[in-house]
């Protein structure tokens, strides 16, 4: 659980420095130094500690604490012994892992109108994207994106104005953990 330790240790910096929690120790925003480790590599799994990615994973407890309560971090640790990451998050996250993960990865887009991080804490970092993938009219395109467990990928499309419809196929449809 070194990745869980590092992610929550980084989040604690937000907790003790941000006046939103009523603590307000100076200096504020020290955790921001770790945000690029997450946003530059969203395709890495949360439990991947290489290149200190786990420090940037504080974005998950940051998001969860702001959506519900800082107690989410304590709940994660209370349920960590001998359990896998999905169990830890499933118990701790307000809506459970399956419902919370898509909301968390969407919030990480961090661009209007999905700019909670900017509103909450002035964080302007955005995730690395794949693309843009050109979508011309009358030409079938099939960009493929592979996503690891506990990770995300962000694909941008450059859609020609003449395109009237886009169809998306998820080959993991039906898998509740996809």
Protein backbone atom coordinates (compact mmCIF):
# COMPACT_ATOMS: atom_id res chain seq x y z
CA UNK A 1 0.00 0.00 0.00
CA UNK A 2 2.89 2.41 -0.55
CA UNK A 3 0.84 4.07 -3.32
CA UNK A 4 -2.10 4.55 -0.93
CA UNK A 5 0.26 5.96 1.71
CA UNK A 6 1.80 8.45 -0.71
CA UNK A 7 -1.51 9.55 -2.22
CA UNK A 8 -3.05 10.22 1.18
CA UNK A 9 0.10 11.88 2.54
CA UNK A 10 0.00 14.29 -0.38
CA UNK A 11 -3.72 14.90 0.17
CA UNK A 12 -3.06 15.75 3.84
CA UNK A 13 -1.13 18.79 2.60
CA UNK A 14 -4.37 20.04 1.03
CA UNK A 15 -6.30 19.24 4.19
CA UNK A 16 -4.04 21.14 6.59
CA UNK A 17 -3.34 24.12 4.34
CA UNK A 18 -6.69 24.85 2.70
CA UNK A 19 -8.94 27.19 4.72
CA UNK A 20 -11.97 25.32 3.31
CA UNK A 21 -11.37 22.64 5.94
CA UNK A 22 -10.95 25.15 8.75
CA UNK A 23 -7.26 24.43 9.33
CA UNK A 24 -5.43 26.90 7.10
CA UNK A 25 -1.76 26.26 7.90
CA UNK A 26 0.60 28.19 5.58
CA UNK A 27 1.72 27.88 2.89
CA UNK A 28 -1.34 26.81 0.91
CA UNK A 29 -1.26 24.81 -2.33
CA UNK A 30 1.90 22.77 -1.65
CA UNK A 31 0.17 19.63 -2.92
CA UNK A 32 -0.05 21.21 -6.39
CA UNK A 33 3.55 20.23 -7.02
CA UNK A 34 2.40 16.61 -7.27
CA UNK A 35 -0.64 17.22 -9.54
CA UNK A 36 1.42 17.06 -12.78
CA UNK A 37 2.55 13.52 -11.85
CA UNK A 38 -1.08 12.47 -12.19
CA UNK A 39 -2.27 14.70 -15.02
CA UNK A 40 0.71 14.01 -17.30
CA UNK A 41 0.13 10.25 -16.99
CA UNK A 42 -3.60 9.54 -16.49
CA UNK A 43 -3.06 6.22 -18.31
CA UNK A 44 -1.06 4.90 -15.34
CA UNK A 45 -2.98 2.90 -12.76
CA UNK A 46 -3.44 4.43 -9.33
CA UNK A 47 -1.44 1.57 -7.84
CA UNK A 48 1.52 2.27 -10.15
CA UNK A 49 4.17 3.91 -7.97
CA UNK A 50 6.78 4.29 -10.72
CA UNK A 51 8.15 7.81 -11.24
CA UNK A 52 6.30 8.87 -8.08
CA UNK A 53 2.95 8.67 -9.88
CA UNK A 54 1.44 7.75 -6.51
CA UNK A 55 2.09 11.28 -5.20
CA UNK A 56 -0.15 12.70 -7.92
CA UNK A 57 -2.84 10.16 -7.12
CA UNK A 58 -3.83 12.48 -4.27
CA UNK A 59 -6.36 13.75 -6.81
CA UNK A 60 -8.68 10.86 -5.86
CA UNK A 61 -8.89 11.63 -2.13
CA UNK A 62 -8.92 15.37 -3.00
CA UNK A 63 -11.95 14.86 -5.24
CA UNK A 64 -13.66 12.47 -2.82
CA UNK A 65 -13.10 14.67 0.24
CA UNK A 66 -14.48 17.73 -1.55
CA UNK A 67 -17.51 15.76 -2.77
CA UNK A 68 -18.33 14.27 0.58
CA UNK A 69 -16.06 14.65 3.61
CA UNK A 70 -12.40 14.36 4.60
CA UNK A 71 -13.48 11.27 6.55
CA UNK A 72 -13.27 9.38 3.24
CA UNK A 73 -9.48 9.09 3.73
CA UNK A 74 -9.86 7.53 7.16
CA UNK A 75 -12.42 5.09 5.74
CA UNK A 76 -9.96 4.11 3.00
CA UNK A 77 -7.31 3.23 5.56
CA UNK A 78 -9.73 1.51 7.93
CA UNK A 79 -10.65 -0.88 5.12
CA UNK A 80 -7.19 -1.33 3.57
CA UNK A 81 -5.87 -4.32 5.51
CA UNK A 82 -5.64 -7.31 3.19
CA UNK A 83 -7.96 -5.85 0.57
CA UNK A 84 -7.40 -4.79 -3.02
CA UNK A 85 -7.69 -1.18 -4.16
CA UNK A 86 -11.21 -1.48 -5.54
CA UNK A 87 -12.46 -2.77 -2.20
CA UNK A 88 -10.77 0.11 -0.36
CA UNK A 89 -12.35 2.67 -2.68
CA UNK A 90 -15.69 0.91 -2.92
CA UNK A 91 -16.19 1.17 0.82
CA UNK A 92 -14.79 4.70 1.17
CA UNK A 93 -16.33 6.49 -1.79
CA UNK A 94 -19.80 7.87 -1.22
CA UNK A 95 -21.34 6.18 -4.27
CA UNK A 96 -19.03 3.16 -4.28
CA UNK A 97 -16.21 2.59 -6.72
CA UNK A 98 -18.23 1.72 -9.82
CA UNK A 99 -20.30 4.91 -9.72
CA UNK A 100 -17.58 7.20 -8.37
CA UNK A 101 -14.75 6.27 -10.75
CA UNK A 102 -16.43 7.65 -13.92
CA UNK A 103 -17.35 10.84 -12.05
CA UNK A 104 -13.80 11.24 -10.77
CA UNK A 105 -12.23 10.71 -14.20
CA UNK A 106 -14.70 13.17 -15.71
CA UNK A 107 -13.89 15.76 -13.04
CA UNK A 108 -10.21 15.38 -13.95
CA UNK A 109 -10.96 16.96 -17.34
CA UNK A 110 -10.85 20.18 -15.28
CA UNK A 111 -12.07 22.47 -18.04
CA UNK A 112 -15.36 24.37 -18.18
CA UNK A 113 -18.00 23.35 -17.48
CA UNK A 114 -16.22 20.61 -15.48
CA UNK A 115 -13.97 22.92 -13.49
CA UNK A 116 -14.58 21.98 -9.84
CA UNK A 117 -10.84 21.76 -9.11
CA UNK A 118 -10.39 25.33 -10.27
CA UNK A 119 -13.36 26.50 -8.19
CA UNK A 120 -12.40 24.54 -5.08
CA UNK A 121 -8.69 25.14 -5.02
CA UNK A 122 -7.46 27.14 -8.02
CA UNK A 123 -5.95 24.02 -9.63
CA UNK A 124 -5.75 24.57 -13.40
CA UNK A 125 -3.84 21.42 -14.43
CA UNK A 126 -5.60 19.29 -17.07
CA UNK A 127 -4.95 15.71 -18.16
CA UNK A 128 -2.76 14.74 -21.08
CA UNK A 129 -4.88 13.92 -24.09
CA UNK A 130 -4.51 11.68 -27.10
CA UNK A 131 -5.20 13.40 -30.39
CA UNK A 132 -6.75 15.38 -31.75
CA UNK A 133 -8.12 12.67 -33.99
CA UNK A 134 -9.48 14.14 -37.27
CA UNK A 135 -13.06 13.08 -38.01
CA UNK A 136 -13.91 14.00 -41.62
CA UNK A 137 -17.40 13.64 -43.13
CA UNK A 138 -18.37 10.42 -44.90
CA UNK A 139 -15.23 8.55 -43.82
CA UNK A 140 -15.50 5.87 -41.17
CA UNK A 141 -12.83 6.27 -38.49
CA UNK A 142 -12.02 3.83 -35.70
CA UNK A 143 -9.63 5.38 -33.20
CA UNK A 144 -8.84 2.84 -30.49
CA UNK A 145 -8.01 3.68 -26.89
CA UNK A 146 -6.89 1.03 -24.40
CA UNK A 147 -7.35 1.83 -20.72
CA UNK A 148 -5.71 -0.03 -17.80
CA UNK A 149 -7.44 -0.72 -14.50
CA UNK A 150 -7.59 2.29 -12.13
CA UNK A 151 -6.52 4.57 -14.99
CA UNK A 152 -8.05 6.88 -17.59
CA UNK A 153 -7.38 8.07 -21.14
CA UNK A 154 -8.62 11.28 -22.70
CA UNK A 155 -9.12 11.38 -26.48
CA UNK A 156 -9.86 14.65 -28.24
CA UNK A 157 -11.61 14.70 -31.59
CA UNK A 158 -11.35 17.32 -34.32
CA UNK A 159 -14.78 16.89 -35.90
CA UNK A 160 -15.51 18.42 -39.29
CA UNK A 161 -18.57 20.72 -39.18
CA UNK A 162 -20.29 18.53 -41.82
CA UNK A 163 -20.29 15.48 -39.52
CA UNK A 164 -23.80 15.03 -38.14
CA UNK A 165 -23.43 11.86 -36.09
CA UNK A 166 -20.74 10.05 -34.11
CA UNK A 167 -21.13 6.50 -32.89
CA UNK A 168 -19.09 5.24 -29.95
CA UNK A 169 -18.48 1.54 -29.33
CA UNK A 170 -17.21 0.28 -26.00
CA UNK A 171 -15.83 -3.24 -26.34
CA UNK A 172 -15.97 -3.52 -22.54
CA UNK A 173 -19.73 -2.83 -22.44
CA UNK A 174 -21.39 -5.04 -19.85
CA UNK A 175 -18.28 -5.25 -17.66
CA UNK A 176 -19.20 -3.22 -14.56
CA UNK A 177 -15.53 -2.65 -13.75
CA UNK A 178 -14.60 -1.32 -17.21
